[in-house]
Amino acid sequence: MAVLSALLNGVGHAAGGPMNEDLTPLAAPAQKVVEAGKRGEAEAFLTEAKDLLAKAKEMPASAAQQRIVGKLKIAVAEGKDGKLTEGVQAVEEAMTDMKKSGPPKFGGGT
């Protein structure tokens, strides 16, 4: 039984990381970045985006975390170039991935 448990645990990690990853704490700071970008506040956008990227890098490594970090790197680069619309779009795409992650969902199924 221990071998089966170890094997199944390994499969869970190979498929993209722990099943209980929760990247939703990044959602509120990401919303601040989006709001700053939509207001046209380039300096605030860039500062908030850099802070968000740092927080995302501190999250446990997983496929979702890597996608989010990649999109936030794009947002920071776009912010440095003054392309706030493109930067906001990259953050919004990252937010979609944040919402897909979350704590495990238990309960009935069909």
PDB file of N, CA and C in Angstrom:
ATOM      1  N   MET A   1       0.819  -1.182   0.000  1.00  0.00           N
ATOM      2  CA  MET A   1       0.000   0.000   0.000  1.00  0.00           C
ATOM      3  C   MET A   1       0.872   1.259   0.000  1.00  0.00           C
ATOM      4  N   ALA A   2       1.975   1.237   0.720  1.00  0.00           N
ATOM      5  CA  ALA A   2       2.859   2.398   0.763  1.00  0.00           C
ATOM      6  C   ALA A   2       3.448   2.689  -0.610  1.00  0.00           C
ATOM      7  N   VAL A   3       3.749   1.634  -1.368  1.00  0.00           N
ATOM      8  CA  VAL A   3       4.310   1.818  -2.706  1.00  0.00           C
ATOM      9  C   VAL A   3       3.278   2.488  -3.613  1.00  0.00           C
ATOM     10  N   LEU A   4       2.028   2.057  -3.538  1.00  0.00           N
ATOM     11  CA  LEU A   4       0.970   2.650  -4.336  1.00  0.00           C
ATOM     12  C   LEU A   4       0.788   4.122  -3.980  1.00  0.00           C
ATOM     13  N   SER A   5       0.805   4.413  -2.707  1.00  0.00           N
ATOM     14  CA  SER A   5       0.659   5.790  -2.259  1.00  0.00           C
ATOM     15  C   SER A   5       1.807   6.655  -2.787  1.00  0.00           C
ATOM     16  N   ALA A   6       3.022   6.156  -2.698  1.00  0.00           N
ATOM     17  CA  ALA A   6       4.175   6.898  -3.191  1.00  0.00           C
ATOM     18  C   ALA A   6       4.088   7.104  -4.699  1.00  0.00           C
ATOM     19  N   LEU A   7       3.655   6.079  -5.415  1.00  0.00           N
ATOM     20  CA  LEU A   7       3.524   6.179  -6.857  1.00  0.00           C
ATOM     21  C   LEU A   7       2.483   7.227  -7.233  1.00  0.00           C
ATOM     22  N   LEU A   8       1.334   7.203  -6.589  1.00  0.00           N
ATOM     23  CA  LEU A   8       0.288   8.169  -6.893  1.00  0.00           C
ATOM     24  C   LEU A   8       0.708   9.583  -6.527  1.00  0.00           C
ATOM     25  N   ASN A   9       1.437   9.729  -5.440  1.00  0.00           N
ATOM     26  CA  ASN A   9       1.931  11.040  -5.041  1.00  0.00           C
ATOM     27  C   ASN A   9       2.886  11.578  -6.093  1.00  0.00           C
ATOM     28  N   GLY A  10       3.748  10.736  -6.626  1.00  0.00           N
ATOM     29  CA  GLY A  10       4.679  11.141  -7.675  1.00  0.00           C
ATOM     30  C   GLY A  10       3.965  11.564  -8.937  1.00  0.00           C
ATOM     31  N   VAL A  11       2.882  10.882  -9.278  1.00  0.00           N
ATOM     32  CA  VAL A  11       2.111  11.243 -10.460  1.00  0.00           C
ATOM     33  C   VAL A  11       1.484  12.618 -10.281  1.00  0.00           C
ATOM     34  N   GLY A  12       0.999  12.921  -9.089  1.00  0.00           N
ATOM     35  CA  GLY A  12       0.407  14.229  -8.818  1.00  0.00           C
ATOM     36  C   GLY A  12       1.398  15.354  -9.018  1.00  0.00           C
ATOM     37  N   HIS A  13       2.622  15.146  -8.600  1.00  0.00           N
ATOM     38  CA  HIS A  13       3.644  16.179  -8.774  1.00  0.00           C
ATOM     39  C   HIS A  13       4.079  16.274 -10.223  1.00  0.00           C
ATOM     40  N   ALA A  14       4.136  15.171 -10.933  1.00  0.00           N
ATOM     41  CA  ALA A  14       4.540  15.201 -12.326  1.00  0.00           C
ATOM     42  C   ALA A  14       3.515  15.926 -13.185  1.00  0.00           C
ATOM     43  N   ALA A  15       2.280  15.941 -12.753  1.00  0.00           N
ATOM     44  CA  ALA A  15       1.223  16.565 -13.542  1.00  0.00           C
ATOM     45  C   ALA A  15       1.136  18.066 -13.322  1.00  0.00           C
ATOM     46  N   GLY A  16       2.032  18.655 -12.574  1.00  0.00           N
ATOM     47  CA  GLY A  16       2.003  20.103 -12.445  1.00  0.00           C
ATOM     48  C   GLY A  16       2.120  20.623 -11.036  1.00  0.00           C
ATOM     49  N   GLY A  17       2.427  19.800 -10.109  1.00  0.00           N
ATOM     50  CA  GLY A  17       2.664  20.292  -8.766  1.00  0.00           C
ATOM     51  C   GLY A  17       1.631  19.805  -7.799  1.00  0.00           C
ATOM     52  N   PRO A  18       1.723  20.288  -6.589  1.00  0.00           N
ATOM     53  CA  PRO A  18       0.823  19.825  -5.549  1.00  0.00           C
ATOM     54  C   PRO A  18      -0.617  20.167  -5.874  1.00  0.00           C
ATOM     55  N   MET A  19      -1.496  19.259  -5.495  1.00  0.00           N
ATOM     56  CA  MET A  19      -2.904  19.468  -5.795  1.00  0.00           C
ATOM     57  C   MET A  19      -3.514  20.579  -4.951  1.00  0.00           C
ATOM     58  N   ASN A  20      -2.852  20.945  -3.882  1.00  0.00           N
ATOM     59  CA  ASN A  20      -3.427  21.958  -3.006  1.00  0.00           C
ATOM     60  C   ASN A  20      -2.806  23.337  -3.214  1.00  0.00           C
ATOM     61  N   GLU A  21      -2.183  23.563  -4.370  1.00  0.00           N
ATOM     62  CA  GLU A  21      -1.604  24.878  -4.611  1.00  0.00           C
ATOM     63  C   GLU A  21      -2.708  25.924  -4.593  1.00  0.00           C
ATOM     64  N   ASP A  22      -2.405  27.046  -4.010  1.00  0.00           N
ATOM     65  CA  ASP A  22      -3.388  28.118  -3.928  1.00  0.00           C
ATOM     66  C   ASP A  22      -2.702  29.419  -4.291  1.00  0.00           C
ATOM     67  N   LEU A  23      -2.940  29.876  -5.493  1.00  0.00           N
ATOM     68  CA  LEU A  23      -2.338  31.110  -5.972  1.00  0.00           C
ATOM     69  C   LEU A  23      -3.313  32.278  -5.892  1.00  0.00           C
ATOM     70  N   THR A  24      -4.480  32.044  -5.323  1.00  0.00           N
ATOM     71  CA  THR A  24      -5.479  33.103  -5.227  1.00  0.00           C
ATOM     72  C   THR A  24      -5.042  34.291  -4.364  1.00  0.00           C
ATOM     73  N   PRO A  25      -4.081  34.138  -3.414  1.00  0.00           N
ATOM     74  CA  PRO A  25      -3.637  35.329  -2.681  1.00  0.00           C
ATOM     75  C   PRO A  25      -2.998  36.395  -3.580  1.00  0.00           C
ATOM     76  N   LEU A  26      -2.635  36.000  -4.787  1.00  0.00           N
ATOM     77  CA  LEU A  26      -2.050  36.964  -5.722  1.00  0.00           C
ATOM     78  C   LEU A  26      -3.120  37.785  -6.431  1.00  0.00           C
ATOM     79  N   ALA A  27      -4.374  37.369  -6.339  1.00  0.00           N
ATOM     80  CA  ALA A  27      -5.447  38.009  -7.102  1.00  0.00           C
ATOM     81  C   ALA A  27      -5.683  39.465  -6.679  1.00  0.00           C
ATOM     82  N   ALA A  28      -5.714  39.749  -5.393  1.00  0.00           N
ATOM     83  CA  ALA A  28      -5.970  41.124  -4.937  1.00  0.00           C
ATOM     84  C   ALA A  28      -4.853  42.081  -5.359  1.00  0.00           C
ATOM     85  N   PRO A  29      -3.569  41.709  -5.157  1.00  0.00           N
ATOM     86  CA  PRO A  29      -2.519  42.605  -5.651  1.00  0.00           C
ATOM     87  C   PRO A  29      -2.547  42.745  -7.178  1.00  0.00           C
ATOM     88  N   ALA A  30      -2.929  41.686  -7.875  1.00  0.00           N
ATOM     89  CA  ALA A  30      -3.020  41.759  -9.337  1.00  0.00           C
ATOM     90  C   ALA A  30      -4.097  42.752  -9.751  1.00  0.00           C
ATOM     91  N   GLN A  31      -5.197  42.779  -9.018  1.00  0.00           N
ATOM     92  CA  GLN A  31      -6.266  43.726  -9.323  1.00  0.00           C
ATOM     93  C   GLN A  31      -5.773  45.158  -9.176  1.00  0.00           C
ATOM     94  N   LYS A  32      -4.918  45.414  -8.179  1.00  0.00           N
ATOM     95  CA  LYS A  32      -4.339  46.754  -7.998  1.00  0.00           C
ATOM     96  C   LYS A  32      -3.496  47.141  -9.211  1.00  0.00           C
ATOM     97  N   VAL A  33      -2.749  46.176  -9.734  1.00  0.00           N
ATOM     98  CA  VAL A  33      -1.919  46.434 -10.908  1.00  0.00           C
ATOM     99  C   VAL A  33      -2.803  46.806 -12.095  1.00  0.00           C
ATOM    100  N   VAL A  34      -3.862  46.018 -12.300  1.00  0.00           N
ATOM    101  CA  VAL A  34      -4.778  46.275 -13.413  1.00  0.00           C
ATOM    102  C   VAL A  34      -5.412  47.661 -13.278  1.00  0.00           C
ATOM    103  N   GLU A  35      -5.866  47.998 -12.088  1.00  0.00           N
ATOM    104  CA  GLU A  35      -6.510  49.298 -11.871  1.00  0.00           C
ATOM    105  C   GLU A  35      -5.554  50.447 -12.154  1.00  0.00           C
ATOM    106  N   ALA A  36      -4.291  50.318 -11.708  1.00  0.00           N
ATOM    107  CA  ALA A  36      -3.306  51.364 -11.970  1.00  0.00           C
ATOM    108  C   ALA A  36      -3.065  51.510 -13.470  1.00  0.00           C
ATOM    109  N   GLY A  37      -2.983  50.388 -14.164  1.00  0.00           N
ATOM    110  CA  GLY A  37      -2.783  50.435 -15.608  1.00  0.00           C
ATOM    111  C   GLY A  37      -3.948  51.055 -16.340  1.00  0.00           C
ATOM    112  N   LYS A  38      -5.163  50.724 -15.911  1.00  0.00           N
ATOM    113  CA  LYS A  38      -6.355  51.280 -16.570  1.00  0.00           C
ATOM    114  C   LYS A  38      -6.515  52.772 -16.300  1.00  0.00           C
ATOM    115  N   ARG A  39      -5.969  53.234 -15.181  1.00  0.00           N
ATOM    116  CA  ARG A  39      -5.999  54.676 -14.882  1.00  0.00           C
ATOM    117  C   ARG A  39      -4.886  55.415 -15.614  1.00  0.00           C
ATOM    118  N   GLY A  40      -3.977  54.667 -16.246  1.00  0.00           N
ATOM    119  CA  GLY A  40      -2.877  55.290 -16.975  1.00  0.00           C
ATOM    120  C   GLY A  40      -1.719  55.707 -16.092  1.00  0.00           C
ATOM    121  N   GLU A  41      -1.642  55.156 -14.897  1.00  0.00           N
ATOM    122  CA  GLU A  41      -0.585  55.495 -13.948  1.00  0.00           C
ATOM    123  C   GLU A  41       0.597  54.546 -14.163  1.00  0.00           C
ATOM    124  N   ALA A  42       1.465  54.906 -15.083  1.00  0.00           N
ATOM    125  CA  ALA A  42       2.562  54.033 -15.500  1.00  0.00           C
ATOM    126  C   ALA A  42       3.501  53.690 -14.347  1.00  0.00           C
ATOM    127  N   GLU A  43       3.866  54.675 -13.550  1.00  0.00           N
ATOM    128  CA  GLU A  43       4.805  54.426 -12.456  1.00  0.00           C
ATOM    129  C   GLU A  43       4.198  53.481 -11.412  1.00  0.00           C
ATOM    130  N   ALA A  44       2.947  53.722 -11.045  1.00  0.00           N
ATOM    131  CA  ALA A  44       2.272  52.851 -10.080  1.00  0.00           C
ATOM    132  C   ALA A  44       2.102  51.451 -10.654  1.00  0.00           C
ATOM    133  N   PHE A  45       1.751  51.367 -11.932  1.00  0.00           N
ATOM    134  CA  PHE A  45       1.598  50.066 -12.589  1.00  0.00           C
ATOM    135  C   PHE A  45       2.896  49.280 -12.492  1.00  0.00           C
ATOM    136  N   LEU A  46       3.993  49.916 -12.855  1.00  0.00           N
ATOM    137  CA  LEU A  46       5.280  49.227 -12.866  1.00  0.00           C
ATOM    138  C   LEU A  46       5.707  48.809 -11.464  1.00  0.00           C
ATOM    139  N   THR A  47       5.534  49.677 -10.490  1.00  0.00           N
ATOM    140  CA  THR A  47       5.900  49.352  -9.114  1.00  0.00           C
ATOM    141  C   THR A  47       5.077  48.180  -8.589  1.00  0.00           C
ATOM    142  N   GLU A  48       3.762  48.256  -8.778  1.00  0.00           N
ATOM    143  CA  GLU A  48       2.870  47.189  -8.303  1.00  0.00           C
ATOM    144  C   GLU A  48       3.136  45.880  -9.057  1.00  0.00           C
ATOM    145  N   ALA A  49       3.403  45.967 -10.364  1.00  0.00           N
ATOM    146  CA  ALA A  49       3.666  44.761 -11.157  1.00  0.00           C
ATOM    147  C   ALA A  49       4.957  44.082 -10.695  1.00  0.00           C
ATOM    148  N   LYS A  50       5.971  44.864 -10.397  1.00  0.00           N
ATOM    149  CA  LYS A  50       7.231  44.294  -9.894  1.00  0.00           C
ATOM    150  C   LYS A  50       7.015  43.609  -8.551  1.00  0.00           C
ATOM    151  N   ASP A  51       6.245  44.246  -7.673  1.00  0.00           N
ATOM    152  CA  ASP A  51       5.955  43.646  -6.368  1.00  0.00           C
ATOM    153  C   ASP A  51       5.168  42.349  -6.533  1.00  0.00           C
ATOM    154  N   LEU A  52       4.193  42.358  -7.433  1.00  0.00           N
ATOM    155  CA  LEU A  52       3.390  41.167  -7.688  1.00  0.00           C
ATOM    156  C   LEU A  52       4.253  40.042  -8.249  1.00  0.00           C
ATOM    157  N   LEU A  53       5.153  40.375  -9.156  1.00  0.00           N
ATOM    158  CA  LEU A  53       6.061  39.372  -9.722  1.00  0.00           C
ATOM    159  C   LEU A  53       6.922  38.747  -8.629  1.00  0.00           C
ATOM    160  N   ALA A  54       7.432  39.566  -7.722  1.00  0.00           N
ATOM    161  CA  ALA A  54       8.242  39.046  -6.621  1.00  0.00           C
ATOM    162  C   ALA A  54       7.431  38.092  -5.746  1.00  0.00           C
ATOM    163  N   LYS A  55       6.174  38.459  -5.453  1.00  0.00           N
ATOM    164  CA  LYS A  55       5.314  37.589  -4.642  1.00  0.00           C
ATOM    165  C   LYS A  55       5.025  36.281  -5.369  1.00  0.00           C
ATOM    166  N   ALA A  56       4.798  36.363  -6.665  1.00  0.00           N
ATOM    167  CA  ALA A  56       4.505  35.163  -7.454  1.00  0.00           C
ATOM    168  C   ALA A  56       5.701  34.219  -7.482  1.00  0.00           C
ATOM    169  N   LYS A  57       6.901  34.781  -7.543  1.00  0.00           N
ATOM    170  CA  LYS A  57       8.110  33.953  -7.547  1.00  0.00           C
ATOM    171  C   LYS A  57       8.298  33.229  -6.216  1.00  0.00           C
ATOM    172  N   GLU A  58       7.745  33.787  -5.132  1.00  0.00           N
ATOM    173  CA  GLU A  58       7.878  33.169  -3.810  1.00  0.00           C
ATOM    174  C   GLU A  58       6.897  32.021  -3.590  1.00  0.00           C
ATOM    175  N   MET A  59       5.902  31.899  -4.438  1.00  0.00           N
ATOM    176  CA  MET A  59       4.895  30.843  -4.299  1.00  0.00           C
ATOM    177  C   MET A  59       5.537  29.495  -4.618  1.00  0.00           C
ATOM    178  N   PRO A  60       4.967  28.407  -4.106  1.00  0.00           N
ATOM    179  CA  PRO A  60       5.509  27.083  -4.421  1.00  0.00           C
ATOM    180  C   PRO A  60       5.532  26.846  -5.933  1.00  0.00           C
ATOM    181  N   ALA A  61       6.628  26.263  -6.375  1.00  0.00           N
ATOM    182  CA  ALA A  61       6.799  26.019  -7.808  1.00  0.00           C
ATOM    183  C   ALA A  61       5.763  25.021  -8.310  1.00  0.00           C
ATOM    184  N   SER A  62       5.129  25.375  -9.405  1.00  0.00           N
ATOM    185  CA  SER A  62       4.164  24.500 -10.059  1.00  0.00           C
ATOM    186  C   SER A  62       4.021  24.993 -11.496  1.00  0.00           C
ATOM    187  N   ALA A  63       3.314  24.247 -12.299  1.00  0.00           N
ATOM    188  CA  ALA A  63       3.088  24.661 -13.675  1.00  0.00           C
ATOM    189  C   ALA A  63       2.307  25.977 -13.712  1.00  0.00           C
ATOM    190  N   ALA A  64       1.278  26.096 -12.871  1.00  0.00           N
ATOM    191  CA  ALA A  64       0.479  27.326 -12.837  1.00  0.00           C
ATOM    192  C   ALA A  64       1.325  28.508 -12.369  1.00  0.00           C
ATOM    193  N   GLN A  65       2.132  28.294 -11.350  1.00  0.00           N
ATOM    194  CA  GLN A  65       2.986  29.362 -10.841  1.00  0.00           C
ATOM    195  C   GLN A  65       3.943  29.826 -11.923  1.00  0.00           C
ATOM    196  N   GLN A  66       4.494  28.898 -12.693  1.00  0.00           N
ATOM    197  CA  GLN A  66       5.420  29.262 -13.766  1.00  0.00           C
ATOM    198  C   GLN A  66       4.718  30.053 -14.868  1.00  0.00           C
ATOM    199  N   ARG A  67       3.486  29.663 -15.210  1.00  0.00           N
ATOM    200  CA  ARG A  67       2.728  30.417 -16.219  1.00  0.00           C
ATOM    201  C   ARG A  67       2.458  31.836 -15.739  1.00  0.00           C
ATOM    202  N   ILE A  68       2.070  31.958 -14.475  1.00  0.00           N
ATOM    203  CA  ILE A  68       1.774  33.276 -13.915  1.00  0.00           C
ATOM    204  C   ILE A  68       3.022  34.141 -13.902  1.00  0.00           C
ATOM    205  N   VAL A  69       4.137  33.592 -13.452  1.00  0.00           N
ATOM    206  CA  VAL A  69       5.391  34.349 -13.417  1.00  0.00           C
ATOM    207  C   VAL A  69       5.760  34.806 -14.824  1.00  0.00           C
ATOM    208  N   GLY A  70       5.610  33.933 -15.808  1.00  0.00           N
ATOM    209  CA  GLY A  70       5.927  34.304 -17.192  1.00  0.00           C
ATOM    210  C   GLY A  70       5.077  35.464 -17.678  1.00  0.00           C
ATOM    211  N   LYS A  71       3.801  35.423 -17.379  1.00  0.00           N
ATOM    212  CA  LYS A  71       2.899  36.495 -17.811  1.00  0.00           C
ATOM    213  C   LYS A  71       3.194  37.793 -17.070  1.00  0.00           C
ATOM    214  N   LEU A  72       3.566  37.689 -15.799  1.00  0.00           N
ATOM    215  CA  LEU A  72       3.891  38.896 -15.042  1.00  0.00           C
ATOM    216  C   LEU A  72       5.208  39.502 -15.512  1.00  0.00           C
ATOM    217  N   LYS A  73       6.145  38.679 -15.949  1.00  0.00           N
ATOM    218  CA  LYS A  73       7.391  39.215 -16.530  1.00  0.00           C
ATOM    219  C   LYS A  73       7.071  40.023 -17.785  1.00  0.00           C
ATOM    220  N   ILE A  74       6.142  39.515 -18.582  1.00  0.00           N
ATOM    221  CA  ILE A  74       5.719  40.249 -19.782  1.00  0.00           C
ATOM    222  C   ILE A  74       5.093  41.576 -19.378  1.00  0.00           C
ATOM    223  N   ALA A  75       4.249  41.554 -18.348  1.00  0.00           N
ATOM    224  CA  ALA A  75       3.588  42.777 -17.886  1.00  0.00           C
ATOM    225  C   ALA A  75       4.611  43.819 -17.438  1.00  0.00           C
ATOM    226  N   VAL A  76       5.636  43.387 -16.703  1.00  0.00           N
ATOM    227  CA  VAL A  76       6.671  44.318 -16.250  1.00  0.00           C
ATOM    228  C   VAL A  76       7.414  44.895 -17.456  1.00  0.00           C
ATOM    229  N   ALA A  77       7.752  44.042 -18.411  1.00  0.00           N
ATOM    230  CA  ALA A  77       8.455  44.519 -19.608  1.00  0.00           C
ATOM    231  C   ALA A  77       7.596  45.527 -20.377  1.00  0.00           C
ATOM    232  N   GLU A  78       6.316  45.232 -20.518  1.00  0.00           N
ATOM    233  CA  GLU A  78       5.414  46.151 -21.221  1.00  0.00           C
ATOM    234  C   GLU A  78       5.299  47.465 -20.449  1.00  0.00           C
ATOM    235  N   GLY A  79       5.243  47.381 -19.122  1.00  0.00           N
ATOM    236  CA  GLY A  79       5.182  48.582 -18.304  1.00  0.00           C
ATOM    237  C   GLY A  79       6.418  49.441 -18.468  1.00  0.00           C
ATOM    238  N   LYS A  80       7.580  48.807 -18.550  1.00  0.00           N
ATOM    239  CA  LYS A  80       8.825  49.552 -18.757  1.00  0.00           C
ATOM    240  C   LYS A  80       8.823  50.259 -20.104  1.00  0.00           C
ATOM    241  N   ASP A  81       8.160  49.644 -21.084  1.00  0.00           N
ATOM    242  CA  ASP A  81       8.075  50.239 -22.423  1.00  0.00           C
ATOM    243  C   ASP A  81       6.926  51.230 -22.549  1.00  0.00           C
ATOM    244  N   GLY A  82       6.173  51.427 -21.462  1.00  0.00           N
ATOM    245  CA  GLY A  82       5.052  52.352 -21.491  1.00  0.00           C
ATOM    246  C   GLY A  82       3.807  51.803 -22.173  1.00  0.00           C
ATOM    247  N   LYS A  83       3.770  50.514 -22.397  1.00  0.00           N
ATOM    248  CA  LYS A  83       2.627  49.872 -23.062  1.00  0.00           C
ATOM    249  C   LYS A  83       1.681  49.317 -21.994  1.00  0.00           C
ATOM    250  N   LEU A  84       0.925  50.215 -21.395  1.00  0.00           N
ATOM    251  CA  LEU A  84       0.066  49.815 -20.283  1.00  0.00           C
ATOM    252  C   LEU A  84      -1.068  48.892 -20.722  1.00  0.00           C
ATOM    253  N   THR A  85      -1.626  49.120 -21.889  1.00  0.00           N
ATOM    254  CA  THR A  85      -2.727  48.263 -22.350  1.00  0.00           C
ATOM    255  C   THR A  85      -2.262  46.819 -22.459  1.00  0.00           C
ATOM    256  N   GLU A  86      -1.099  46.604 -23.065  1.00  0.00           N
ATOM    257  CA  GLU A  86      -0.555  45.262 -23.205  1.00  0.00           C
ATOM    258  C   GLU A  86      -0.170  44.682 -21.849  1.00  0.00           C
ATOM    259  N   GLY A  87       0.362  45.527 -20.973  1.00  0.00           N
ATOM    260  CA  GLY A  87       0.721  45.079 -19.631  1.00  0.00           C
ATOM    261  C   GLY A  87      -0.492  44.646 -18.834  1.00  0.00           C
ATOM    262  N   VAL A  88      -1.562  45.424 -18.928  1.00  0.00           N
ATOM    263  CA  VAL A  88      -2.808  45.073 -18.233  1.00  0.00           C
ATOM    264  C   VAL A  88      -3.330  43.746 -18.764  1.00  0.00           C
ATOM    265  N   GLN A  89      -3.268  43.569 -20.071  1.00  0.00           N
ATOM    266  CA  GLN A  89      -3.751  42.320 -20.673  1.00  0.00           C
ATOM    267  C   GLN A  89      -2.961  41.123 -20.133  1.00  0.00           C
ATOM    268  N   ALA A  90      -1.643  41.253 -20.000  1.00  0.00           N
ATOM    269  CA  ALA A  90      -0.815  40.161 -19.477  1.00  0.00           C
ATOM    270  C   ALA A  90      -1.186  39.844 -18.032  1.00  0.00           C
ATOM    271  N   VAL A  91      -1.441  40.874 -17.228  1.00  0.00           N
ATOM    272  CA  VAL A  91      -1.824  40.643 -15.831  1.00  0.00           C
ATOM    273  C   VAL A  91      -3.191  39.974 -15.766  1.00  0.00           C
ATOM    274  N   GLU A  92      -4.124  40.407 -16.616  1.00  0.00           N
ATOM    275  CA  GLU A  92      -5.443  39.788 -16.617  1.00  0.00           C
ATOM    276  C   GLU A  92      -5.370  38.315 -17.014  1.00  0.00           C
ATOM    277  N   GLU A  93      -4.477  37.978 -17.944  1.00  0.00           N
ATOM    278  CA  GLU A  93      -4.274  36.571 -18.312  1.00  0.00           C
ATOM    279  C   GLU A  93      -3.711  35.787 -17.129  1.00  0.00           C
ATOM    280  N   ALA A  94      -2.783  36.398 -16.397  1.00  0.00           N
ATOM    281  CA  ALA A  94      -2.227  35.753 -15.206  1.00  0.00           C
ATOM    282  C   ALA A  94      -3.321  35.552 -14.156  1.00  0.00           C
ATOM    283  N   MET A  95      -4.230  36.517 -14.048  1.00  0.00           N
ATOM    284  CA  MET A  95      -5.315  36.409 -13.072  1.00  0.00           C
ATOM    285  C   MET A  95      -6.232  35.233 -13.399  1.00  0.00           C
ATOM    286  N   THR A  96      -6.405  34.945 -14.667  1.00  0.00           N
ATOM    287  CA  THR A  96      -7.207  33.786 -15.062  1.00  0.00           C
ATOM    288  C   THR A  96      -6.582  32.517 -14.513  1.00  0.00           C
ATOM    289  N   ASP A  97      -5.259  32.409 -14.610  1.00  0.00           N
ATOM    290  CA  ASP A  97      -4.564  31.240 -14.058  1.00  0.00           C
ATOM    291  C   ASP A  97      -4.644  31.214 -12.533  1.00  0.00           C
ATOM    292  N   MET A  98      -4.611  32.383 -11.911  1.00  0.00           N
ATOM    293  CA  MET A  98      -4.708  32.436 -10.447  1.00  0.00           C
ATOM    294  C   MET A  98      -6.050  31.887  -9.987  1.00  0.00           C
ATOM    295  N   LYS A  99      -7.095  32.231 -10.709  1.00  0.00           N
ATOM    296  CA  LYS A  99      -8.433  31.798 -10.330  1.00  0.00           C
ATOM    297  C   LYS A  99      -8.641  30.315 -10.578  1.00  0.00           C
ATOM    298  N   LYS A 100      -7.914  29.749 -11.548  1.00  0.00           N
ATOM    299  CA  LYS A 100      -8.024  28.318 -11.823  1.00  0.00           C
ATOM    300  C   LYS A 100      -7.388  27.503 -10.714  1.00  0.00           C
ATOM    301  N   SER A 101      -6.355  28.057 -10.066  1.00  0.00           N
ATOM    302  CA  SER A 101      -5.719  27.354  -8.964  1.00  0.00           C
ATOM    303  C   SER A 101      -6.587  27.553  -7.731  1.00  0.00           C
ATOM    304  N   GLY A 102      -6.206  26.965  -6.668  1.00  0.00           N
ATOM    305  CA  GLY A 102      -6.931  27.159  -5.423  1.00  0.00           C
ATOM    306  C   GLY A 102      -6.811  25.952  -4.533  1.00  0.00           C
ATOM    307  N   PRO A 103      -7.340  26.076  -3.344  1.00  0.00           N
ATOM    308  CA  PRO A 103      -7.274  24.941  -2.422  1.00  0.00           C
ATOM    309  C   PRO A 103      -8.084  23.786  -2.977  1.00  0.00           C
ATOM    310  N   PRO A 104      -7.786  22.581  -2.529  1.00  0.00           N
ATOM    311  CA  PRO A 104      -8.527  21.438  -3.030  1.00  0.00           C
ATOM    312  C   PRO A 104     -10.013  21.587  -2.768  1.00  0.00           C
ATOM    313  N   LYS A 105     -10.775  21.119  -3.717  1.00  0.00           N
ATOM    314  CA  LYS A 105     -12.229  21.175  -3.589  1.00  0.00           C
ATOM    315  C   LYS A 105     -12.734  19.787  -3.249  1.00  0.00           C
ATOM    316  N   PHE A 106     -13.387  19.686  -2.114  1.00  0.00           N
ATOM    317  CA  PHE A 106     -13.904  18.416  -1.655  1.00  0.00           C
ATOM    318  C   PHE A 106     -15.416  18.468  -1.698  1.00  0.00           C
ATOM    319  N   GLY A 107     -16.001  17.340  -1.643  1.00  0.00           N
ATOM    320  CA  GLY A 107     -17.454  17.308  -1.592  1.00  0.00           C
ATOM    321  C   GLY A 107     -17.986  16.385  -2.663  1.00  0.00           C
ATOM    322  N   GLY A 108     -19.240  16.404  -2.753  1.00  0.00           N
ATOM    323  CA  GLY A 108     -19.917  15.510  -3.686  1.00  0.00           C
ATOM    324  C   GLY A 108     -19.553  15.777  -5.114  1.00  0.00           C
ATOM    325  N   GLY A 109     -19.745  14.813  -5.887  1.00  0.00           N
ATOM    326  CA  GLY A 109     -19.527  14.936  -7.327  1.00  0.00           C
ATOM    327  C   GLY A 109     -20.644  14.210  -8.028  1.00  0.00           C
ATOM    328  N   THR A 110     -20.555  14.227  -9.292  1.00  0.00           N
ATOM    329  CA  THR A 110     -21.594  13.530 -10.040  1.00  0.00           C
ATOM    330  C   THR A 110     -21.059  12.255 -10.633  1.00  0.00           C
TER     331      THR A 110
END
